[in-house]
C-alpha atoms as a PDB file:
ATOM      1  CA  MET A   1      31.768   7.894  57.589  1.00  0.00           C
ATOM      2  CA  CYS A   2      31.326   5.225  60.252  1.00  0.00           C
ATOM      3  CA  GLY A   3      28.265   7.022  61.547  1.00  0.00           C
ATOM      4  CA  LYS A   4      26.719   6.984  58.080  1.00  0.00           C
ATOM      5  CA  ILE A   5      27.372   3.313  57.661  1.00  0.00           C
ATOM      6  CA  PHE A   6      25.910   2.584  61.104  1.00  0.00           C
ATOM      7  CA  THR A   7      22.805   4.633  60.297  1.00  0.00           C
ATOM      8  CA  ARG A   8      22.327   2.865  56.973  1.00  0.00           C
ATOM      9  CA  ASN A   9      22.729  -0.582  58.487  1.00  0.00           C
ATOM     10  CA  SER A  10      20.325   0.298  61.278  1.00  0.00           C
ATOM     11  CA  SER A  11      17.704   1.457  58.796  1.00  0.00           C
ATOM     12  CA  LEU A  12      18.186  -1.676  56.706  1.00  0.00           C
ATOM     13  CA  ASN A  13      17.871  -3.941  59.724  1.00  0.00           C
ATOM     14  CA  SER A  14      14.751  -2.123  60.851  1.00  0.00           C
ATOM     15  CA  HIS A  15      13.224  -2.480  57.386  1.00  0.00           C
ATOM     16  CA  GLN A  16      14.066  -6.182  57.227  1.00  0.00           C
ATOM     17  CA  ASN A  17      12.517  -6.772  60.652  1.00  0.00           C
ATOM     18  CA  LYS A  18       9.319  -5.020  59.590  1.00  0.00           C
ATOM     19  CA  CYS A  19       9.169  -7.083  56.386  1.00  0.00           C
ATOM     20  CA  LYS A  20       9.712 -10.295  58.341  1.00  0.00           C
ATOM     21  CA  ASP A  21       7.010  -9.343  60.819  1.00  0.00           C
ATOM     22  CA  PHE A  22       4.629  -8.453  57.978  1.00  0.00           C
ATOM     23  CA  LEU A  23       5.209 -11.745  56.136  1.00  0.00           C
ATOM     24  CA  GLU A  24       4.671 -13.803  59.315  1.00  0.00           C
ATOM     25  CA  LYS A  25       1.287 -12.194  59.944  1.00  0.00           C
ATOM     26  CA  SER A  26       0.161 -12.054  56.281  1.00  0.00           C
ATOM     27  CA  THR A  27      -1.030 -14.498  53.647  1.00  0.00           C
ATOM     28  CA  GLU A  28       0.532 -14.842  50.212  1.00  0.00           C
ATOM     29  CA  GLY A  29      -1.880 -13.936  47.461  1.00  0.00           C
ATOM     30  CA  VAL A  30      -4.148 -12.027  49.846  1.00  0.00           C
ATOM     31  CA  ASP A  31      -1.776  -9.496  51.446  1.00  0.00           C
ATOM     32  CA  TYR A  32       1.166  -9.801  49.060  1.00  0.00           C
ATOM     33  CA  VAL A  33       2.457 -11.650  46.000  1.00  0.00           C
ATOM     34  CA  VAL A  34       5.859 -13.217  45.328  1.00  0.00           C
ATOM     35  CA  CYS A  35       7.567 -13.024  41.954  1.00  0.00           C
ATOM     36  CA  LYS A  36       7.968 -16.617  40.745  1.00  0.00           C
ATOM     37  CA  LEU A  37      11.126 -15.666  38.819  1.00  0.00           C
ATOM     38  CA  CYS A  38      13.210 -13.992  41.526  1.00  0.00           C
ATOM     39  CA  GLU A  39      11.117 -14.156  44.748  1.00  0.00           C
ATOM     40  CA  HIS A  40      10.682 -10.384  44.903  1.00  0.00           C
ATOM     41  CA  VAL A  41       7.842  -9.532  47.299  1.00  0.00           C
ATOM     42  CA  GLY A  42       5.269  -6.798  46.866  1.00  0.00           C
ATOM     43  CA  LYS A  43       1.609  -5.943  46.956  1.00  0.00           C
ATOM     44  CA  ASN A  44       1.721  -5.151  43.250  1.00  0.00           C
ATOM     45  CA  ILE A  45       4.659  -6.511  41.201  1.00  0.00           C
ATOM     46  CA  THR A  46       3.364  -5.502  37.751  1.00  0.00           C
ATOM     47  CA  SER A  47       6.055  -2.856  37.187  1.00  0.00           C
ATOM     48  CA  HIS A  48       8.683  -5.215  38.653  1.00  0.00           C
ATOM     49  CA  VAL A  49       8.084  -8.043  36.154  1.00  0.00           C
ATOM     50  CA  LYS A  50       8.005  -5.536  33.324  1.00  0.00           C
ATOM     51  CA  LYS A  51      11.218  -3.745  34.315  1.00  0.00           C
ATOM     52  CA  HIS A  52      13.320  -6.702  35.476  1.00  0.00           C
ATOM     53  CA  HIS A  53      11.899  -9.589  33.422  1.00  0.00           C
ATOM     54  CA  SER A  54      10.557  -7.774  30.317  1.00  0.00           C
ATOM     55  CA  LEU A  55       7.131  -9.356  30.724  1.00  0.00           C
ATOM     56  CA  SER A  56       3.773  -7.655  30.470  1.00  0.00           C
ATOM     57  CA  LYS A  57       1.154  -8.194  33.151  1.00  0.00           C
ATOM     58  CA  SER A  58      -0.832 -10.573  30.930  1.00  0.00           C
ATOM     59  CA  GLU A  59       2.272 -12.553  29.904  1.00  0.00           C
ATOM     60  CA  TYR A  60       3.356 -13.095  33.501  1.00  0.00           C
ATOM     61  CA  GLU A  61      -0.116 -14.016  34.734  1.00  0.00           C
ATOM     62  CA  GLU A  62      -0.606 -16.465  31.880  1.00  0.00           C
ATOM     63  CA  LYS A  63       2.489 -18.434  32.921  1.00  0.00           C
ATOM     64  CA  TYR A  64       2.588 -17.907  36.684  1.00  0.00           C
ATOM     65  CA  SER A  65       0.041 -16.083  38.831  1.00  0.00           C
ATOM     66  CA  SER A  66      -1.467 -12.687  39.532  1.00  0.00           C
ATOM     67  CA  THR A  67       0.811  -9.660  39.874  1.00  0.00           C
ATOM     68  CA  VAL A  68      -1.567  -7.974  42.348  1.00  0.00           C
ATOM     69  CA  CYS A  69      -2.694  -9.221  45.750  1.00  0.00           C
ATOM     70  CA  GLU A  70      -6.393  -9.526  46.612  1.00  0.00           C
ATOM     71  CA  LYS A  71      -6.413  -6.571  49.060  1.00  0.00           C
ATOM     72  CA  ILE A  72      -5.073  -4.181  46.414  1.00  0.00           C
ATOM     73  CA  LYS A  73      -7.604  -5.495  43.926  1.00  0.00           C
ATOM     74  CA  SER A  74     -10.401  -4.769  46.431  1.00  0.00           C
ATOM     75  CA  ILE A  75      -9.083  -1.234  46.956  1.00  0.00           C
ATOM     76  CA  TYR A  76      -9.103  -0.664  43.172  1.00  0.00           C
ATOM     77  CA  ALA A  77     -12.659  -1.966  43.022  1.00  0.00           C
ATOM     78  CA  VAL A  78     -13.844   0.388  45.808  1.00  0.00           C
ATOM     79  CA  ASN A  79     -12.067   3.447  44.416  1.00  0.00           C
ATOM     80  CA  GLY A  80     -13.478   2.814  40.948  1.00  0.00           C
ATOM     81  CA  ASP A  81     -12.171   4.306  37.727  1.00  0.00           C
ATOM     82  CA  TRP A  82     -10.118   7.432  38.525  1.00  0.00           C
ATOM     83  CA  ILE A  83      -9.908   8.316  34.825  1.00  0.00           C
ATOM     84  CA  LYS A  84     -13.685   8.416  34.636  1.00  0.00           C
ATOM     85  CA  ARG A  85     -13.806  10.675  37.693  1.00  0.00           C
ATOM     86  CA  ALA A  86     -11.115  12.918  36.210  1.00  0.00           C
ATOM     87  CA  LYS A  87     -13.119  13.276  33.004  1.00  0.00           C
ATOM     88  CA  GLU A  88     -16.213  14.152  34.990  1.00  0.00           C
ATOM     89  CA  ARG A  89     -14.233  16.884  36.783  1.00  0.00           C
ATOM     90  CA  GLY A  90     -12.981  18.167  33.421  1.00  0.00           C
ATOM     91  CA  ASP A  91      -9.284  17.440  34.145  1.00  0.00           C
ATOM     92  CA  ASP A  92      -6.785  17.656  31.281  1.00  0.00           C
ATOM     93  CA  LEU A  93      -5.541  14.086  30.643  1.00  0.00           C
ATOM     94  CA  SER A  94      -3.602  14.768  27.434  1.00  0.00           C
ATOM     95  CA  GLY A  95      -0.217  14.506  29.199  1.00  0.00           C
ATOM     96  CA  TYR A  96      -1.229  11.250  30.867  1.00  0.00           C
ATOM     97  CA  ARG A  97      -2.479   9.759  27.584  1.00  0.00           C
ATOM     98  CA  GLU A  98       0.709  10.704  25.771  1.00  0.00           C
ATOM     99  CA  LYS A  99       2.902   9.177  28.491  1.00  0.00           C
ATOM    100  CA  LEU A 100       0.744   6.058  28.743  1.00  0.00           C
ATOM    101  CA  GLY A 101       0.646   5.586  24.973  1.00  0.00           C
ATOM    102  CA  SER A 102       4.434   5.830  24.800  1.00  0.00           C
ATOM    103  CA  LYS A 103       4.869   3.259  27.570  1.00  0.00           C
ATOM    104  CA  ILE A 104       2.359   0.863  25.995  1.00  0.00           C
ATOM    105  CA  SER A 105       4.033   1.117  22.599  1.00  0.00           C
ATOM    106  CA  GLU A 106       7.411   0.503  24.185  1.00  0.00           C
ATOM    107  CA  GLY A 107       6.094  -2.559  26.004  1.00  0.00           C
ATOM    108  CA  ILE A 108       4.482  -3.991  22.866  1.00  0.00           C
ATOM    109  CA  MET A 109       7.646  -3.551  20.805  1.00  0.00           C
ATOM    110  CA  LYS A 110       9.671  -5.435  23.435  1.00  0.00           C
ATOM    111  CA  SER A 111       7.316  -8.416  23.481  1.00  0.00           C
ATOM    112  CA  GLU A 112       6.866 -10.710  20.489  1.00  0.00           C
ATOM    113  CA  SER A 113       3.629 -12.173  21.856  1.00  0.00           C
ATOM    114  CA  ALA A 114       2.224  -8.666  22.474  1.00  0.00           C
ATOM    115  CA  ARG A 115       3.067  -7.656  18.901  1.00  0.00           C
ATOM    116  CA  GLU A 116       1.310 -10.742  17.558  1.00  0.00           C
ATOM    117  CA  ALA A 117      -1.736 -10.068  19.751  1.00  0.00           C
ATOM    118  CA  ARG A 118      -1.903  -6.490  18.470  1.00  0.00           C
ATOM    119  CA  ARG A 119      -1.628  -7.693  14.869  1.00  0.00           C
ATOM    120  CA  GLN A 120      -4.515 -10.124  15.347  1.00  0.00           C
ATOM    121  CA  ASN A 121      -6.653  -7.485  17.075  1.00  0.00           C
ATOM    122  CA  LEU A 122      -6.076  -4.957  14.295  1.00  0.00           C
ATOM    123  CA  SER A 123      -6.746  -7.599  11.657  1.00  0.00           C
ATOM    124  CA  SER A 124     -10.117  -8.523  13.175  1.00  0.00           C
ATOM    125  CA  LEU A 125     -10.955  -4.852  13.725  1.00  0.00           C
ATOM    126  CA  ASN A 126     -10.255  -3.983  10.094  1.00  0.00           C
ATOM    127  CA  LYS A 127     -12.783  -6.611   8.995  1.00  0.00           C
ATOM    128  CA  SER A 128     -15.654  -5.203  11.041  1.00  0.00           C
ATOM    129  CA  LYS A 129     -18.374  -3.278   9.213  1.00  0.00           C
ATOM    130  CA  ASP A 130     -18.349  -0.432  11.740  1.00  0.00           C
ATOM    131  CA  PHE A 131     -14.609   0.122  11.294  1.00  0.00           C
ATOM    132  CA  LYS A 132     -14.890   0.044   7.501  1.00  0.00           C
ATOM    133  CA  ASP A 133     -17.758   2.559   7.570  1.00  0.00           C
ATOM    134  CA  ARG A 134     -15.840   4.926   9.850  1.00  0.00           C
ATOM    135  CA  SER A 135     -12.662   4.564   7.762  1.00  0.00           C
ATOM    136  CA  SER A 136     -14.589   5.248   4.563  1.00  0.00           C
ATOM    137  CA  SER A 137     -16.219   8.334   6.074  1.00  0.00           C
ATOM    138  CA  THR A 138     -12.871   9.669   7.313  1.00  0.00           C
ATOM    139  CA  ALA A 139     -11.194   8.966   3.977  1.00  0.00           C
ATOM    140  CA  LYS A 140     -13.870  10.898   2.092  1.00  0.00           C
ATOM    141  CA  LYS A 141     -13.454  13.923   4.354  1.00  0.00           C
ATOM    142  CA  THR A 142      -9.655  13.992   4.143  1.00  0.00           C
ATOM    143  CA  SER A 143      -9.515  13.206   0.413  1.00  0.00           C
ATOM    144  CA  SER A 144     -11.706  16.214  -0.375  1.00  0.00           C
ATOM    145  CA  ARG A 145      -9.337  18.645   1.310  1.00  0.00           C
ATOM    146  CA  LYS A 146      -7.414  20.706  -1.235  1.00  0.00           C
ATOM    147  CA  ASP A 147      -4.215  20.752   0.827  1.00  0.00           C
ATOM    148  CA  ILE A 148      -4.186  16.933   1.007  1.00  0.00           C
ATOM    149  CA  GLN A 149      -4.918  16.600  -2.728  1.00  0.00           C
ATOM    150  CA  LYS A 150      -2.117  19.036  -3.526  1.00  0.00           C
ATOM    151  CA  GLU A 151       0.356  17.184  -1.303  1.00  0.00           C
ATOM    152  CA  ARG A 152      -0.592  13.805  -2.805  1.00  0.00           C
ATOM    153  CA  SER A 153      -0.120  15.181  -6.324  1.00  0.00           C
ATOM    154  CA  ARG A 154       3.281  16.564  -5.372  1.00  0.00           C
ATOM    155  CA  ARG A 155       4.412  13.238  -3.906  1.00  0.00           C
ATOM    156  CA  LEU A 156       3.158  11.284  -6.912  1.00  0.00           C
ATOM    157  CA  ALA A 157       4.941  13.625  -9.325  1.00  0.00           C
ATOM    158  CA  GLU A 158       8.149  13.340  -7.279  1.00  0.00           C
ATOM    159  CA  TRP A 159       7.907   9.537  -7.162  1.00  0.00           C
ATOM    160  CA  ARG A 160       7.211   9.364 -10.896  1.00  0.00           C
ATOM    161  CA  GLU A 161      10.200  11.587 -11.619  1.00  0.00           C
ATOM    162  CA  ASN A 162      12.580   9.504  -9.506  1.00  0.00           C
ATOM    163  CA  ASN A 163      11.164   6.055 -10.391  1.00  0.00           C
ATOM    164  CA  PRO A 164       9.999   6.152 -14.042  1.00  0.00           C
ATOM    165  CA  GLU A 165      10.210   2.420 -14.689  1.00  0.00           C
ATOM    166  CA  GLU A 166       8.403   1.498 -11.464  1.00  0.00           C
ATOM    167  CA  PHE A 167       5.716   4.080 -12.278  1.00  0.00           C
ATOM    168  CA  TYR A 168       5.276   2.485 -15.697  1.00  0.00           C
ATOM    169  CA  GLU A 169       4.928  -1.025 -14.276  1.00  0.00           C
ATOM    170  CA  LYS A 170       2.503  -0.069 -11.493  1.00  0.00           C
ATOM    171  CA  CYS A 171       0.466   2.617 -13.269  1.00  0.00           C
ATOM    172  CA  THR A 172       0.893   3.013 -17.031  1.00  0.00           C
ATOM    173  CA  ALA A 173       1.106  -0.692 -17.911  1.00  0.00           C
ATOM    174  CA  VAL A 174      -1.879  -1.529 -15.690  1.00  0.00           C
ATOM    175  CA  MET A 175      -3.902   1.254 -17.279  1.00  0.00           C
ATOM    176  CA  HIS A 176      -3.146  -0.004 -20.790  1.00  0.00           C
ATOM    177  CA  LYS A 177      -4.065  -3.578 -19.902  1.00  0.00           C
ATOM    178  CA  SER A 178      -7.336  -2.509 -18.342  1.00  0.00           C
ATOM    179  CA  TRP A 179      -8.284  -0.445 -21.381  1.00  0.00           C
ATOM    180  CA  GLN A 180     -10.784  -2.448 -23.474  1.00  0.00           C
ATOM    181  CA  SER A 181     -11.226  -0.649 -26.814  1.00  0.00           C
ATOM    182  CA  LYS A 182     -13.771  -2.683 -28.793  1.00  0.00           C
ATOM    183  CA  PRO A 183     -12.311  -1.823 -32.241  1.00  0.00           C
ATOM    184  CA  GLU A 184      -8.842  -2.798 -31.006  1.00  0.00           C
ATOM    185  CA  ILE A 185     -10.176  -6.101 -29.634  1.00  0.00           C
ATOM    186  CA  ASP A 186     -12.086  -6.804 -32.867  1.00  0.00           C
ATOM    187  CA  LEU A 187      -8.992  -6.025 -34.949  1.00  0.00           C
ATOM    188  CA  PHE A 188      -6.864  -8.369 -32.865  1.00  0.00           C
ATOM    189  CA  GLU A 189      -9.438 -11.186 -33.047  1.00  0.00           C
ATOM    190  CA  THR A 190      -9.633 -10.815 -36.840  1.00  0.00           C
ATOM    191  CA  VAL A 191      -5.855 -10.828 -37.273  1.00  0.00           C
ATOM    192  CA  ASP A 192      -5.553 -13.762 -34.870  1.00  0.00           C
ATOM    193  CA  GLN A 193      -8.023 -15.767 -36.980  1.00  0.00           C
ATOM    194  CA  LEU A 194      -6.017 -15.028 -40.127  1.00  0.00           C
ATOM    195  CA  PHE A 195      -2.656 -15.759 -38.443  1.00  0.00           C
ATOM    196  CA  PRO A 196      -3.253 -18.019 -35.404  1.00  0.00           C
ATOM    197  CA  ASN A 197      -0.885 -17.521 -32.428  1.00  0.00           C
ATOM    198  CA  MET A 198       1.246 -15.069 -34.376  1.00  0.00           C
ATOM    199  CA  PHE A 199       0.234 -11.819 -32.652  1.00  0.00           C
ATOM    200  CA  LYS A 200      -0.214 -10.716 -29.046  1.00  0.00           C
ATOM    201  CA  ARG A 201      -2.085  -7.786 -27.503  1.00  0.00           C
ATOM    202  CA  ASN A 202      -0.761  -5.069 -25.177  1.00  0.00           C
ATOM    203  CA  GLN A 203       2.933  -5.690 -25.725  1.00  0.00           C
ATOM    204  CA  VAL A 204       5.854  -3.378 -24.957  1.00  0.00           C
ATOM    205  CA  LEU A 205       8.971  -2.293 -26.803  1.00  0.00           C
ATOM    206  CA  LYS A 206      11.949  -0.568 -25.217  1.00  0.00           C
ATOM    207  CA  ARG A 207      14.465   1.464 -27.188  1.00  0.00           C
ATOM    208  CA  THR A 208      16.936   3.267 -24.943  1.00  0.00           C
ATOM    209  CA  GLY A 209      17.996   6.532 -26.500  1.00  0.00           C
ATOM    210  CA  LYS A 210      15.381   6.237 -29.265  1.00  0.00           C
ATOM    211  CA  PHE A 211      11.961   6.385 -27.624  1.00  0.00           C
ATOM    212  CA  LEU A 212      12.595   9.818 -26.159  1.00  0.00           C
ATOM    213  CA  SER A 213       8.912  10.754 -25.734  1.00  0.00           C
ATOM    214  CA  THR A 214       8.778   8.662 -22.530  1.00  0.00           C
ATOM    215  CA  LYS A 215      11.161   8.730 -19.555  1.00  0.00           C
ATOM    216  CA  THR A 216      11.260   4.928 -19.477  1.00  0.00           C
ATOM    217  CA  ASN A 217      12.060   4.565 -23.208  1.00  0.00           C
ATOM    218  CA  ILE A 218       9.157   2.094 -23.281  1.00  0.00           C
ATOM    219  CA  ARG A 219       6.231   2.139 -25.718  1.00  0.00           C
ATOM    220  CA  GLN A 220       2.988   0.219 -25.391  1.00  0.00           C
ATOM    221  CA  ILE A 221       1.971  -1.603 -28.609  1.00  0.00           C
ATOM    222  CA  ASP A 222      -1.646  -2.557 -29.391  1.00  0.00           C
ATOM    223  CA  ILE A 223      -0.909  -5.677 -31.469  1.00  0.00           C
ATOM    224  CA  MET A 224       2.555  -7.074 -32.166  1.00  0.00           C
ATOM    225  CA  SER A 225       4.482 -10.030 -33.531  1.00  0.00           C
ATOM    226  CA  LEU A 226       7.980  -9.700 -32.122  1.00  0.00           C
ATOM    227  CA  GLU A 227       9.427 -12.624 -34.083  1.00  0.00           C
ATOM    228  CA  ASN A 228       8.142 -11.280 -37.396  1.00  0.00           C
ATOM    229  CA  LYS A 229       8.805  -7.607 -36.508  1.00  0.00           C
ATOM    230  CA  ILE A 230       5.225  -6.501 -37.243  1.00  0.00           C
ATOM    231  CA  VAL A 231       3.240  -3.861 -35.325  1.00  0.00           C
ATOM    232  CA  ILE A 232      -0.473  -3.125 -35.802  1.00  0.00           C
ATOM    233  CA  GLU A 233      -1.888  -0.010 -34.134  1.00  0.00           C
ATOM    234  CA  PHE A 234      -5.517   1.062 -33.928  1.00  0.00           C
ATOM    235  CA  ASP A 235      -5.629   4.863 -33.772  1.00  0.00           C
ATOM    236  CA  GLY A 236      -8.737   6.268 -32.106  1.00  0.00           C
ATOM    237  CA  ILE A 237     -10.073   9.775 -32.658  1.00  0.00           C
ATOM    238  CA  HIS A 238      -7.701  11.264 -30.045  1.00  0.00           C
ATOM    239  CA  HIS A 239      -4.827  10.565 -32.463  1.00  0.00           C
ATOM    240  CA  PHE A 240      -6.350  13.125 -34.860  1.00  0.00           C
ATOM    241  CA  LYS A 241      -8.402  15.595 -32.789  1.00  0.00           C
ATOM    242  CA  ASP A 242      -7.791  17.339 -29.468  1.00  0.00           C
ATOM    243  CA  VAL A 243     -10.759  15.721 -27.736  1.00  0.00           C
ATOM    244  CA  PHE A 244      -9.429  15.715 -24.158  1.00  0.00           C
ATOM    245  CA  LYS A 245      -9.762  18.613 -21.736  1.00  0.00           C
ATOM    246  CA  LYS A 246      -6.007  18.856 -21.267  1.00  0.00           C
ATOM    247  CA  LYS A 247      -4.602  21.183 -23.918  1.00  0.00           C
ATOM    248  CA  GLY A 248      -1.710  20.024 -26.041  1.00  0.00           C
ATOM    249  CA  ASN A 249      -2.564  16.333 -25.746  1.00  0.00           C
ATOM    250  CA  LEU A 250      -2.955  15.924 -29.529  1.00  0.00           C
ATOM    251  CA  GLN A 251       0.539  17.258 -30.120  1.00  0.00           C
ATOM    252  CA  LYS A 252       2.030  14.786 -27.637  1.00  0.00           C
ATOM    253  CA  VAL A 253       0.149  11.834 -29.177  1.00  0.00           C
ATOM    254  CA  SER A 254       1.184  12.840 -32.713  1.00  0.00           C
ATOM    255  CA  SER A 255       4.845  13.198 -31.747  1.00  0.00           C
ATOM    256  CA  LYS A 256       4.788   9.770 -30.079  1.00  0.00           C
ATOM    257  CA  ASP A 257       3.220   8.183 -33.190  1.00  0.00           C
ATOM    258  CA  LYS A 258       5.813   9.783 -35.486  1.00  0.00           C
ATOM    259  CA  GLU A 259       8.651   8.700 -33.203  1.00  0.00           C
ATOM    260  CA  LEU A 260       7.437   5.072 -33.140  1.00  0.00           C
ATOM    261  CA  ASN A 261       7.014   5.051 -36.936  1.00  0.00           C
ATOM    262  CA  LYS A 262      10.471   6.486 -37.562  1.00  0.00           C
ATOM    263  CA  VAL A 263      12.347   4.194 -35.151  1.00  0.00           C
ATOM    264  CA  LEU A 264      10.697   0.954 -36.293  1.00  0.00           C
ATOM    265  CA  VAL A 265      10.913   1.739 -40.015  1.00  0.00           C
ATOM    266  CA  GLU A 266      14.645   2.357 -39.606  1.00  0.00           C
ATOM    267  CA  GLU A 267      14.926  -1.020 -37.862  1.00  0.00           C
ATOM    268  CA  GLY A 268      13.129  -2.796 -40.729  1.00  0.00           C
ATOM    269  CA  TRP A 269       9.741  -3.368 -39.119  1.00  0.00           C
ATOM    270  CA  SER A 270       6.278  -3.441 -40.667  1.00  0.00           C
ATOM    271  CA  ILE A 271       4.029  -0.803 -39.079  1.00  0.00           C
ATOM    272  CA  ILE A 272       0.331  -0.997 -39.894  1.00  0.00           C
ATOM    273  CA  ARG A 273      -1.859   1.828 -38.608  1.00  0.00           C
ATOM    274  CA  VAL A 274      -5.650   1.657 -38.869  1.00  0.00           C
ATOM    275  CA  SER A 275      -7.689   4.781 -38.070  1.00  0.00           C
ATOM    276  CA  HIS A 276     -11.081   4.895 -36.350  1.00  0.00           C
ATOM    277  CA  ASP A 277     -12.894   5.809 -39.596  1.00  0.00           C
ATOM    278  CA  GLU A 278     -12.085   2.349 -40.991  1.00  0.00           C
ATOM    279  CA  TYR A 279     -14.370   0.827 -38.362  1.00  0.00           C
ATOM    280  CA  ASP A 280     -18.158   0.739 -38.666  1.00  0.00           C
ATOM    281  CA  TYR A 281     -19.505   1.159 -35.130  1.00  0.00           C
ATOM    282  CA  LYS A 282     -23.065   0.135 -36.082  1.00  0.00           C
ATOM    283  CA  ASP A 283     -24.481  -3.180 -34.910  1.00  0.00           C
ATOM    284  CA  ASN A 284     -21.593  -5.258 -33.510  1.00  0.00           C
ATOM    285  CA  GLY A 285     -18.913  -3.238 -35.330  1.00  0.00           C
ATOM    286  CA  THR A 286     -16.809  -4.317 -38.341  1.00  0.00           C
ATOM    287  CA  PHE A 287     -13.709  -3.177 -40.219  1.00  0.00           C
ATOM    288  CA  LYS A 288     -13.757  -2.557 -43.955  1.00  0.00           C
ATOM    289  CA  GLN A 289     -13.088  -5.792 -45.750  1.00  0.00           C
ATOM    290  CA  GLU A 290     -10.773  -4.081 -48.229  1.00  0.00           C
ATOM    291  CA  THR A 291      -8.556  -2.902 -45.362  1.00  0.00           C
ATOM    292  CA  LEU A 292      -8.460  -6.383 -43.829  1.00  0.00           C
ATOM    293  CA  ASN A 293      -7.472  -7.872 -47.207  1.00  0.00           C
ATOM    294  CA  LYS A 294      -4.555  -5.432 -47.518  1.00  0.00           C
ATOM    295  CA  ILE A 295      -3.400  -6.192 -43.971  1.00  0.00           C
ATOM    296  CA  PHE A 296      -3.479  -9.904 -44.841  1.00  0.00           C
ATOM    297  CA  GLU A 297      -1.253  -9.254 -47.880  1.00  0.00           C
ATOM    298  CA  ILE A 298       1.247  -7.139 -45.927  1.00  0.00           C
ATOM    299  CA  VAL A 299       1.617  -9.699 -43.151  1.00  0.00           C
ATOM    300  CA  SER A 300       1.751 -12.669 -45.543  1.00  0.00           C
ATOM    301  CA  ASN A 301       4.431 -11.052 -47.703  1.00  0.00           C
ATOM    302  CA  LYS A 302       6.231  -9.504 -44.719  1.00  0.00           C
ATOM    303  CA  SER A 303       6.312  -6.190 -46.515  1.00  0.00           C
ATOM    304  CA  ARG A 304       8.410  -3.654 -44.630  1.00  0.00           C
ATOM    305  CA  GLY A 305       7.648   0.003 -43.996  1.00  0.00           C
ATOM    306  CA  LEU A 306       4.761   2.193 -42.782  1.00  0.00           C
ATOM    307  CA  PHE A 307       1.197   1.445 -43.956  1.00  0.00           C
ATOM    308  CA  LEU A 308      -1.697   3.791 -43.136  1.00  0.00           C
ATOM    309  CA  PHE A 309      -5.361   2.856 -43.569  1.00  0.00           C
ATOM    310  CA  GLY A 310      -8.019   5.539 -43.120  1.00  0.00           C
ATOM    311  CA  LYS A 311      -9.050   8.985 -44.340  1.00  0.00           C
ATOM    312  CA  SER A 312      -7.885  10.605 -41.108  1.00  0.00           C
ATOM    313  CA  TYR A 313      -4.250  10.193 -42.108  1.00  0.00           C
ATOM    314  CA  VAL A 314      -4.679  12.402 -45.160  1.00  0.00           C
END
């Protein structure tokens, strides 16, 4: 054991003497650099400051000085880019890229300033026209793939099943609000002139355990006065004919209409339904005056029950 200790001490002393001799004959910054945080000496202390002080090369150099001495820099300059030479030889660099990418990501996640720099770089990159064009081109290619479309549909269906209310708020409600049916708008404007500030468009009603045709128990109402318990619905042609490509849509719409009628009548509401054939689409479009007069009477008298206007209901 003593021999081992003697050998170790001898080697250490020899190393220290060589270091001392090297430092006496060398110039700081040219032949070596000294870590300003712990006085560690080396020709290249980049890995040292990263491992022992959790600083990237750029972070250390911004606060202190270079992590590489001038002689090493000159050697790098003479040798050139080894990656470029490796590519020219046809070397496989996939393992190197994977290892380097992992190390870079690890370094960025450890440094708050590096994370902020990456965020700013990505933000400016996303705004460039070239990046947007390339992203758009890539998106078009991937979106057209059947396997991606199928997977997206599956995920959307799963999300809708597990989050019905969130799906309604983000998708269904937005769709209803964006829908601009001219007859519906004209009907609302007419009713609003007759009864100012009494009705609102695109309102919702929720009846847990009653509106069973939707998973959220929520129904979208065209025109409604909640205080006076009055609902006015404009029923387009899809309420009476199967005009959409998807089969069975008419049956679903009809069952929803019947459910809404039944629930609200039982609760003592006034439900006024006006079909598409009551609206003259010529010129700017107008509703039959006789129908508007009857709606005025129903609302004024607060008559309760279901009222249907239009030949399509027959």
